[in-house]
Amino acid sequence: MRVRALRYQDKKSVLFVCLGNICRSPTAHGVFRALVEQRGLAHLIEIDSAGTAAYHIGNPPDHRSAAAALQRGYDLSDLRARQAIAADFDHYDYVLAMDRENLSELRAICPASFKGHLGLFLDLAELDPREVPDPYYGGPSGFDHVLDLVEAASEALLDRIAKELNQ
């Protein structure tokens, strides 16, 4: 049996984006990373998260997001907030916004040459609602709801990427 050597194009990269990169996008980052690792595809898929605003650069995820994620077995402790920049579009195949406002901010910095997928994260799973609500100002149930949506959308995204990679 002959094994084909992987080229760079055989890999995929995903960037999850919300406003401050402390609630929704790091949750998506952690959930998707865990699913990718479970399927044995970590060597083929790069994952990151960012925010459209610079409010929390360098900070860990919100403690409520981290706690809710950890209750479901997702560790976000190594993640730190950063701001999305135009150069991200040169690197990532998928740039996925949590809501329309952040999608608009991303479109404003997206180079015309971008050939990847820029869109709403939940659209990939055809979920209703189409946006991941920001749980920051709500109670604990909001963080669990975000996890429910992110888990479903992450499965759909991983199925799509696995097909693209013939995995």
N, C-alpha and C. Protein backbone atom coordinates (compact mmCIF):
# COMPACT_ATOMS: atom_id res chain seq x y z
N MET A 1 0.84 -1.18 0.00
CA MET A 1 0.00 0.00 0.00
C MET A 1 0.89 1.25 0.00
N ARG A 2 0.60 2.13 -0.90
CA ARG A 2 1.38 3.35 -1.02
C ARG A 2 0.68 4.50 -0.31
N VAL A 3 1.42 5.23 0.52
CA VAL A 3 0.87 6.35 1.26
C VAL A 3 1.26 7.64 0.56
N ARG A 4 0.29 8.49 0.32
CA ARG A 4 0.52 9.75 -0.35
C ARG A 4 1.02 10.76 0.67
N ALA A 5 2.07 11.47 0.31
CA ALA A 5 2.61 12.51 1.19
C ALA A 5 1.66 13.70 1.21
N LEU A 6 1.47 14.28 2.39
CA LEU A 6 0.60 15.44 2.53
C LEU A 6 1.30 16.70 2.07
N ARG A 7 0.59 17.52 1.34
CA ARG A 7 1.07 18.84 0.96
C ARG A 7 0.36 19.84 1.83
N TYR A 8 0.86 21.07 1.86
CA TYR A 8 0.23 22.11 2.67
C TYR A 8 -1.24 22.28 2.31
N GLN A 9 -1.58 22.16 1.02
CA GLN A 9 -2.95 22.35 0.58
C GLN A 9 -3.87 21.27 1.14
N ASP A 10 -3.29 20.17 1.61
CA ASP A 10 -4.09 19.09 2.17
C ASP A 10 -4.51 19.37 3.60
N LYS A 11 -4.06 20.46 4.15
CA LYS A 11 -4.44 20.86 5.49
C LYS A 11 -5.50 21.95 5.40
N LYS A 12 -6.24 22.11 6.47
CA LYS A 12 -7.26 23.16 6.56
C LYS A 12 -7.02 23.95 7.83
N SER A 13 -7.45 25.20 7.81
CA SER A 13 -7.29 26.05 8.99
C SER A 13 -8.59 26.81 9.22
N VAL A 14 -8.93 26.95 10.51
CA VAL A 14 -10.20 27.54 10.92
C VAL A 14 -9.94 28.62 11.96
N LEU A 15 -10.57 29.77 11.77
CA LEU A 15 -10.51 30.86 12.75
C LEU A 15 -11.94 31.19 13.17
N PHE A 16 -12.21 31.07 14.48
CA PHE A 16 -13.51 31.43 15.05
C PHE A 16 -13.41 32.85 15.60
N VAL A 17 -14.44 33.68 15.34
CA VAL A 17 -14.36 35.09 15.72
C VAL A 17 -15.64 35.56 16.39
N CYS A 18 -15.46 36.24 17.55
CA CYS A 18 -16.56 36.94 18.22
C CYS A 18 -16.07 38.35 18.54
N LEU A 19 -16.70 39.02 19.44
CA LEU A 19 -16.33 40.41 19.72
C LEU A 19 -15.03 40.52 20.51
N GLY A 20 -14.97 39.94 21.69
CA GLY A 20 -13.80 40.12 22.55
C GLY A 20 -12.88 38.92 22.64
N ASN A 21 -13.29 37.80 22.07
CA ASN A 21 -12.52 36.56 22.09
C ASN A 21 -12.34 36.03 23.51
N ILE A 22 -13.41 36.17 24.34
CA ILE A 22 -13.34 35.59 25.68
C ILE A 22 -14.52 34.67 26.00
N CYS A 23 -15.56 34.66 25.17
CA CYS A 23 -16.71 33.79 25.45
C CYS A 23 -16.98 32.82 24.29
N ARG A 24 -17.58 33.33 23.24
CA ARG A 24 -18.06 32.46 22.18
C ARG A 24 -16.96 31.86 21.32
N SER A 25 -16.04 32.68 20.83
CA SER A 25 -15.01 32.11 19.93
C SER A 25 -14.04 31.18 20.65
N PRO A 26 -13.61 31.46 21.89
CA PRO A 26 -12.76 30.45 22.54
C PRO A 26 -13.53 29.17 22.86
N THR A 27 -14.83 29.29 23.12
CA THR A 27 -15.64 28.09 23.33
C THR A 27 -15.66 27.26 22.05
N ALA A 28 -15.88 27.91 20.91
CA ALA A 28 -15.87 27.20 19.63
C ALA A 28 -14.48 26.60 19.36
N HIS A 29 -13.44 27.34 19.66
CA HIS A 29 -12.07 26.88 19.50
C HIS A 29 -11.85 25.59 20.29
N GLY A 30 -12.21 25.62 21.57
CA GLY A 30 -12.00 24.46 22.43
C GLY A 30 -12.83 23.26 22.05
N VAL A 31 -14.10 23.48 21.73
CA VAL A 31 -14.99 22.38 21.34
C VAL A 31 -14.51 21.77 20.03
N PHE A 32 -14.23 22.61 19.04
CA PHE A 32 -13.81 22.10 17.73
C PHE A 32 -12.48 21.37 17.86
N ARG A 33 -11.55 21.91 18.63
CA ARG A 33 -10.25 21.25 18.85
C ARG A 33 -10.44 19.85 19.42
N ALA A 34 -11.32 19.72 20.41
CA ALA A 34 -11.56 18.42 21.02
C ALA A 34 -12.14 17.43 20.01
N LEU A 35 -13.08 17.88 19.18
CA LEU A 35 -13.66 17.00 18.16
C LEU A 35 -12.63 16.58 17.12
N VAL A 36 -11.79 17.54 16.72
CA VAL A 36 -10.74 17.25 15.74
C VAL A 36 -9.77 16.20 16.32
N GLU A 37 -9.41 16.36 17.58
CA GLU A 37 -8.51 15.40 18.23
C GLU A 37 -9.17 14.03 18.36
N GLN A 38 -10.46 13.99 18.71
CA GLN A 38 -11.18 12.72 18.84
C GLN A 38 -11.20 11.95 17.53
N ARG A 39 -11.30 12.67 16.43
CA ARG A 39 -11.32 12.01 15.11
C ARG A 39 -9.93 11.76 14.54
N GLY A 40 -8.90 12.13 15.28
CA GLY A 40 -7.53 11.89 14.84
C GLY A 40 -7.10 12.77 13.68
N LEU A 41 -7.63 13.98 13.60
CA LEU A 41 -7.33 14.86 12.47
C LEU A 41 -6.53 16.10 12.88
N ALA A 42 -5.99 16.11 14.09
CA ALA A 42 -5.28 17.29 14.58
C ALA A 42 -4.09 17.66 13.71
N HIS A 43 -3.49 16.69 13.05
CA HIS A 43 -2.34 16.98 12.17
C HIS A 43 -2.78 17.60 10.84
N LEU A 44 -4.09 17.62 10.59
CA LEU A 44 -4.60 18.14 9.32
C LEU A 44 -5.39 19.44 9.44
N ILE A 45 -5.73 19.82 10.67
CA ILE A 45 -6.59 20.98 10.86
C ILE A 45 -5.99 21.89 11.93
N GLU A 46 -5.75 23.14 11.55
CA GLU A 46 -5.26 24.15 12.48
C GLU A 46 -6.46 24.98 12.96
N ILE A 47 -6.47 25.31 14.24
CA ILE A 47 -7.61 26.00 14.83
C ILE A 47 -7.12 27.19 15.65
N ASP A 48 -7.84 28.30 15.54
CA ASP A 48 -7.53 29.48 16.34
C ASP A 48 -8.82 30.25 16.56
N SER A 49 -8.75 31.26 17.41
CA SER A 49 -9.89 32.13 17.65
C SER A 49 -9.38 33.55 17.86
N ALA A 50 -10.27 34.51 17.62
CA ALA A 50 -9.91 35.92 17.73
C ALA A 50 -11.17 36.74 17.97
N GLY A 51 -10.96 38.00 18.29
CA GLY A 51 -12.06 38.93 18.46
C GLY A 51 -11.93 40.09 17.49
N THR A 52 -13.03 40.72 17.17
CA THR A 52 -12.95 41.89 16.29
C THR A 52 -12.53 43.13 17.08
N ALA A 53 -12.70 43.11 18.39
CA ALA A 53 -12.31 44.23 19.25
C ALA A 53 -11.05 43.87 20.03
N ALA A 54 -10.38 44.89 20.51
CA ALA A 54 -9.11 44.70 21.23
C ALA A 54 -9.28 44.75 22.75
N TYR A 55 -10.50 44.65 23.24
CA TYR A 55 -10.77 44.82 24.67
C TYR A 55 -9.98 43.88 25.58
N HIS A 56 -9.80 42.65 25.17
CA HIS A 56 -9.31 41.62 26.09
C HIS A 56 -8.01 40.95 25.63
N ILE A 57 -7.26 41.58 24.75
CA ILE A 57 -6.05 40.96 24.21
C ILE A 57 -5.17 40.43 25.34
N GLY A 58 -4.77 39.17 25.21
CA GLY A 58 -3.90 38.52 26.18
C GLY A 58 -4.62 37.87 27.35
N ASN A 59 -5.91 38.12 27.48
CA ASN A 59 -6.67 37.55 28.60
C ASN A 59 -7.14 36.13 28.30
N PRO A 60 -7.31 35.32 29.36
CA PRO A 60 -7.91 34.00 29.16
C PRO A 60 -9.40 34.13 28.91
N PRO A 61 -10.06 33.06 28.52
CA PRO A 61 -11.51 33.10 28.35
C PRO A 61 -12.20 33.49 29.66
N ASP A 62 -13.37 34.08 29.52
CA ASP A 62 -14.21 34.43 30.66
C ASP A 62 -14.34 33.19 31.55
N HIS A 63 -14.25 33.38 32.86
CA HIS A 63 -14.27 32.25 33.79
C HIS A 63 -15.57 31.44 33.68
N ARG A 64 -16.67 32.09 33.32
CA ARG A 64 -17.94 31.36 33.17
C ARG A 64 -17.93 30.48 31.93
N SER A 65 -17.33 30.98 30.85
CA SER A 65 -17.20 30.16 29.63
C SER A 65 -16.30 28.97 29.91
N ALA A 66 -15.18 29.23 30.57
CA ALA A 66 -14.22 28.16 30.88
C ALA A 66 -14.85 27.10 31.78
N ALA A 67 -15.61 27.54 32.78
CA ALA A 67 -16.25 26.59 33.71
C ALA A 67 -17.31 25.75 33.01
N ALA A 68 -18.14 26.39 32.20
CA ALA A 68 -19.18 25.65 31.47
C ALA A 68 -18.55 24.65 30.51
N ALA A 69 -17.50 25.07 29.83
CA ALA A 69 -16.81 24.18 28.90
C ALA A 69 -16.18 23.00 29.64
N LEU A 70 -15.53 23.28 30.75
CA LEU A 70 -14.86 22.23 31.51
C LEU A 70 -15.87 21.20 32.03
N GLN A 71 -17.07 21.64 32.38
CA GLN A 71 -18.10 20.69 32.81
C GLN A 71 -18.44 19.69 31.73
N ARG A 72 -18.23 20.07 30.47
CA ARG A 72 -18.49 19.15 29.35
C ARG A 72 -17.21 18.51 28.82
N GLY A 73 -16.10 18.76 29.51
CA GLY A 73 -14.85 18.11 29.13
C GLY A 73 -13.98 18.88 28.17
N TYR A 74 -14.23 20.16 27.98
CA TYR A 74 -13.42 21.00 27.09
C TYR A 74 -12.54 21.93 27.92
N ASP A 75 -11.25 21.87 27.69
CA ASP A 75 -10.30 22.69 28.44
C ASP A 75 -9.93 23.92 27.61
N LEU A 76 -10.25 25.09 28.11
CA LEU A 76 -9.94 26.35 27.43
C LEU A 76 -8.77 27.08 28.08
N SER A 77 -8.12 26.48 29.06
CA SER A 77 -7.16 27.18 29.91
C SER A 77 -5.93 27.70 29.16
N ASP A 78 -5.59 27.10 28.03
CA ASP A 78 -4.41 27.55 27.29
C ASP A 78 -4.71 28.67 26.30
N LEU A 79 -5.97 29.04 26.14
CA LEU A 79 -6.35 30.03 25.13
C LEU A 79 -6.20 31.45 25.69
N ARG A 80 -5.80 32.36 24.80
CA ARG A 80 -5.66 33.77 25.16
C ARG A 80 -6.27 34.61 24.04
N ALA A 81 -6.93 35.68 24.42
CA ALA A 81 -7.61 36.54 23.46
C ALA A 81 -6.61 37.28 22.57
N ARG A 82 -7.00 37.42 21.32
CA ARG A 82 -6.25 38.24 20.37
C ARG A 82 -7.25 38.88 19.43
N GLN A 83 -6.79 39.86 18.70
CA GLN A 83 -7.67 40.57 17.76
C GLN A 83 -7.48 40.02 16.36
N ALA A 84 -8.57 39.86 15.63
CA ALA A 84 -8.50 39.46 14.22
C ALA A 84 -7.89 40.59 13.41
N ILE A 85 -7.05 40.23 12.45
CA ILE A 85 -6.39 41.21 11.59
C ILE A 85 -6.52 40.77 10.13
N ALA A 86 -6.29 41.69 9.22
CA ALA A 86 -6.41 41.38 7.79
C ALA A 86 -5.50 40.22 7.37
N ALA A 87 -4.34 40.11 7.98
CA ALA A 87 -3.40 39.03 7.63
C ALA A 87 -3.98 37.65 7.93
N ASP A 88 -4.96 37.56 8.82
CA ASP A 88 -5.59 36.27 9.10
C ASP A 88 -6.20 35.66 7.84
N PHE A 89 -6.66 36.50 6.93
CA PHE A 89 -7.28 36.00 5.71
C PHE A 89 -6.27 35.37 4.76
N ASP A 90 -4.99 35.66 4.96
CA ASP A 90 -3.94 35.02 4.17
C ASP A 90 -3.63 33.63 4.70
N HIS A 91 -4.07 33.34 5.91
CA HIS A 91 -3.69 32.10 6.57
C HIS A 91 -4.84 31.09 6.73
N TYR A 92 -6.04 31.57 6.99
CA TYR A 92 -7.14 30.67 7.34
C TYR A 92 -8.05 30.39 6.15
N ASP A 93 -8.47 29.12 6.06
CA ASP A 93 -9.41 28.69 5.02
C ASP A 93 -10.84 29.05 5.39
N TYR A 94 -11.15 28.95 6.67
CA TYR A 94 -12.47 29.27 7.19
C TYR A 94 -12.33 30.36 8.23
N VAL A 95 -13.04 31.46 8.05
CA VAL A 95 -13.11 32.52 9.04
C VAL A 95 -14.59 32.62 9.39
N LEU A 96 -14.92 32.21 10.62
CA LEU A 96 -16.31 32.02 11.02
C LEU A 96 -16.70 32.95 12.16
N ALA A 97 -17.65 33.80 11.87
CA ALA A 97 -18.14 34.79 12.84
C ALA A 97 -19.29 34.20 13.64
N MET A 98 -19.38 34.63 14.88
CA MET A 98 -20.45 34.16 15.76
C MET A 98 -21.76 34.90 15.52
N ASP A 99 -21.69 36.12 14.98
CA ASP A 99 -22.92 36.89 14.73
C ASP A 99 -22.71 37.84 13.55
N ARG A 100 -23.79 38.45 13.11
CA ARG A 100 -23.76 39.32 11.94
C ARG A 100 -22.89 40.57 12.14
N GLU A 101 -22.92 41.12 13.35
CA GLU A 101 -22.11 42.32 13.62
C GLU A 101 -20.62 42.02 13.44
N ASN A 102 -20.17 40.90 13.98
CA ASN A 102 -18.76 40.53 13.82
C ASN A 102 -18.45 40.12 12.39
N LEU A 103 -19.40 39.53 11.71
CA LEU A 103 -19.22 39.21 10.30
C LEU A 103 -19.01 40.49 9.49
N SER A 104 -19.78 41.51 9.79
CA SER A 104 -19.62 42.80 9.13
C SER A 104 -18.23 43.40 9.38
N GLU A 105 -17.77 43.31 10.62
CA GLU A 105 -16.42 43.80 10.96
C GLU A 105 -15.35 43.03 10.20
N LEU A 106 -15.54 41.73 10.06
CA LEU A 106 -14.57 40.91 9.33
C LEU A 106 -14.59 41.24 7.83
N ARG A 107 -15.76 41.44 7.29
CA ARG A 107 -15.85 41.81 5.87
C ARG A 107 -15.11 43.11 5.60
N ALA A 108 -15.12 44.02 6.57
CA ALA A 108 -14.45 45.32 6.40
C ALA A 108 -12.93 45.19 6.32
N ILE A 109 -12.36 44.14 6.89
CA ILE A 109 -10.90 43.96 6.84
C ILE A 109 -10.47 42.83 5.90
N CYS A 110 -11.43 42.17 5.28
CA CYS A 110 -11.14 41.03 4.40
C CYS A 110 -10.61 41.51 3.05
N PRO A 111 -9.42 41.05 2.68
CA PRO A 111 -8.88 41.43 1.37
C PRO A 111 -9.71 40.84 0.23
N ALA A 112 -9.77 41.53 -0.87
CA ALA A 112 -10.51 41.05 -2.05
C ALA A 112 -9.96 39.73 -2.56
N SER A 113 -8.71 39.44 -2.26
CA SER A 113 -8.06 38.22 -2.75
C SER A 113 -8.40 36.98 -1.93
N PHE A 114 -9.16 37.12 -0.84
CA PHE A 114 -9.47 35.97 0.02
C PHE A 114 -10.29 34.94 -0.73
N LYS A 115 -9.81 33.71 -0.75
CA LYS A 115 -10.47 32.63 -1.49
C LYS A 115 -11.16 31.62 -0.57
N GLY A 116 -11.08 31.84 0.73
CA GLY A 116 -11.65 30.91 1.68
C GLY A 116 -13.12 31.18 1.94
N HIS A 117 -13.60 30.64 3.06
CA HIS A 117 -15.00 30.78 3.46
C HIS A 117 -15.09 31.78 4.60
N LEU A 118 -15.81 32.87 4.38
CA LEU A 118 -16.11 33.86 5.41
C LEU A 118 -17.62 33.85 5.59
N GLY A 119 -18.06 33.53 6.81
CA GLY A 119 -19.50 33.49 7.04
C GLY A 119 -19.83 33.27 8.50
N LEU A 120 -21.11 33.06 8.75
CA LEU A 120 -21.59 32.78 10.10
C LEU A 120 -21.34 31.31 10.43
N PHE A 121 -20.83 31.07 11.62
CA PHE A 121 -20.52 29.71 12.06
C PHE A 121 -21.74 28.81 12.02
N LEU A 122 -22.87 29.27 12.54
CA LEU A 122 -24.05 28.41 12.61
C LEU A 122 -24.65 28.11 11.24
N ASP A 123 -24.35 28.91 10.24
CA ASP A 123 -24.86 28.63 8.89
C ASP A 123 -24.33 27.30 8.35
N LEU A 124 -23.16 26.89 8.79
CA LEU A 124 -22.59 25.63 8.32
C LEU A 124 -23.38 24.42 8.81
N ALA A 125 -24.09 24.60 9.92
CA ALA A 125 -24.91 23.52 10.47
C ALA A 125 -26.39 23.74 10.19
N GLU A 126 -26.68 24.82 9.47
CA GLU A 126 -28.07 25.17 9.15
C GLU A 126 -28.92 25.21 10.42
N LEU A 127 -28.37 25.83 11.46
CA LEU A 127 -29.07 25.94 12.73
C LEU A 127 -29.90 27.21 12.78
N ASP A 128 -30.97 27.13 13.54
CA ASP A 128 -31.77 28.30 13.83
C ASP A 128 -31.76 28.45 15.33
N PRO A 129 -31.24 29.48 15.91
CA PRO A 129 -30.91 30.76 15.30
C PRO A 129 -29.65 30.69 14.45
N ARG A 130 -29.42 31.71 13.66
CA ARG A 130 -28.24 31.76 12.79
C ARG A 130 -27.04 32.36 13.48
N GLU A 131 -27.26 32.99 14.64
CA GLU A 131 -26.17 33.63 15.37
C GLU A 131 -25.99 32.98 16.73
N VAL A 132 -24.75 32.93 17.19
CA VAL A 132 -24.46 32.46 18.54
C VAL A 132 -24.63 33.67 19.46
N PRO A 133 -25.59 33.63 20.38
CA PRO A 133 -25.84 34.79 21.24
C PRO A 133 -24.68 35.01 22.22
N ASP A 134 -24.42 36.25 22.52
CA ASP A 134 -23.35 36.60 23.46
C ASP A 134 -23.85 36.37 24.88
N PRO A 135 -23.23 35.45 25.63
CA PRO A 135 -23.70 35.14 26.98
C PRO A 135 -23.13 36.06 28.06
N TYR A 136 -22.28 37.00 27.68
CA TYR A 136 -21.49 37.78 28.64
C TYR A 136 -22.34 38.45 29.72
N TYR A 137 -23.45 39.06 29.34
CA TYR A 137 -24.26 39.80 30.31
C TYR A 137 -25.42 38.99 30.88
N GLY A 138 -25.49 37.72 30.55
CA GLY A 138 -26.58 36.88 31.04
C GLY A 138 -26.14 35.96 32.16
N GLY A 139 -26.99 35.02 32.46
CA GLY A 139 -26.71 34.06 33.52
C GLY A 139 -26.04 32.80 32.99
N PRO A 140 -25.84 31.82 33.86
CA PRO A 140 -25.15 30.58 33.50
C PRO A 140 -25.79 29.80 32.35
N SER A 141 -27.12 29.88 32.24
CA SER A 141 -27.78 29.12 31.17
C SER A 141 -27.35 29.60 29.79
N GLY A 142 -26.96 30.87 29.67
CA GLY A 142 -26.49 31.38 28.38
C GLY A 142 -25.22 30.70 27.91
N PHE A 143 -24.34 30.37 28.83
CA PHE A 143 -23.09 29.70 28.48
C PHE A 143 -23.35 28.26 28.06
N ASP A 144 -24.33 27.62 28.71
CA ASP A 144 -24.71 26.27 28.30
C ASP A 144 -25.37 26.27 26.93
N HIS A 145 -26.19 27.28 26.66
CA HIS A 145 -26.83 27.40 25.35
C HIS A 145 -25.78 27.59 24.25
N VAL A 146 -24.79 28.43 24.52
CA VAL A 146 -23.69 28.63 23.57
C VAL A 146 -23.01 27.29 23.29
N LEU A 147 -22.74 26.53 24.32
CA LEU A 147 -22.11 25.22 24.14
C LEU A 147 -22.97 24.29 23.29
N ASP A 148 -24.28 24.28 23.52
CA ASP A 148 -25.17 23.44 22.71
C ASP A 148 -25.05 23.79 21.23
N LEU A 149 -25.12 25.08 20.93
CA LEU A 149 -25.03 25.53 19.54
C LEU A 149 -23.66 25.23 18.94
N VAL A 150 -22.62 25.51 19.69
CA VAL A 150 -21.25 25.31 19.21
C VAL A 150 -20.96 23.83 18.96
N GLU A 151 -21.44 22.96 19.84
CA GLU A 151 -21.21 21.53 19.63
C GLU A 151 -21.85 21.06 18.33
N ALA A 152 -23.09 21.46 18.09
CA ALA A 152 -23.79 21.05 16.86
C ALA A 152 -23.09 21.60 15.62
N ALA A 153 -22.75 22.88 15.65
CA ALA A 153 -22.09 23.50 14.49
C ALA A 153 -20.69 22.93 14.27
N SER A 154 -20.00 22.59 15.35
CA SER A 154 -18.65 22.03 15.23
C SER A 154 -18.68 20.66 14.54
N GLU A 155 -19.67 19.87 14.88
CA GLU A 155 -19.82 18.56 14.22
C GLU A 155 -20.04 18.75 12.72
N ALA A 156 -20.90 19.68 12.35
CA ALA A 156 -21.18 19.93 10.93
C ALA A 156 -19.94 20.45 10.22
N LEU A 157 -19.22 21.37 10.85
CA LEU A 157 -18.00 21.91 10.25
C LEU A 157 -16.96 20.81 10.07
N LEU A 158 -16.80 19.98 11.08
CA LEU A 158 -15.80 18.91 10.98
C LEU A 158 -16.17 17.90 9.90
N ASP A 159 -17.44 17.58 9.78
CA ASP A 159 -17.88 16.69 8.69
C ASP A 159 -17.54 17.29 7.33
N ARG A 160 -17.78 18.57 7.17
CA ARG A 160 -17.49 19.26 5.91
C ARG A 160 -16.00 19.24 5.60
N ILE A 161 -15.18 19.58 6.58
CA ILE A 161 -13.73 19.62 6.37
C ILE A 161 -13.18 18.22 6.14
N ALA A 162 -13.68 17.23 6.86
CA ALA A 162 -13.22 15.86 6.66
C ALA A 162 -13.48 15.39 5.23
N LYS A 163 -14.63 15.77 4.68
CA LYS A 163 -14.92 15.44 3.28
C LYS A 163 -13.94 16.13 2.34
N GLU A 164 -13.65 17.40 2.61
CA GLU A 164 -12.69 18.13 1.78
C GLU A 164 -11.30 17.49 1.83
N LEU A 165 -10.97 16.92 2.99
CA LEU A 165 -9.67 16.28 3.16
C LEU A 165 -9.68 14.81 2.80
N ASN A 166 -10.84 14.32 2.34
CA ASN A 166 -11.02 12.90 2.03
C ASN A 166 -10.72 12.02 3.23
N GLN A 167 -11.20 12.40 4.38
CA GLN A 167 -10.95 11.65 5.62
C GLN A 167 -12.23 10.98 6.09
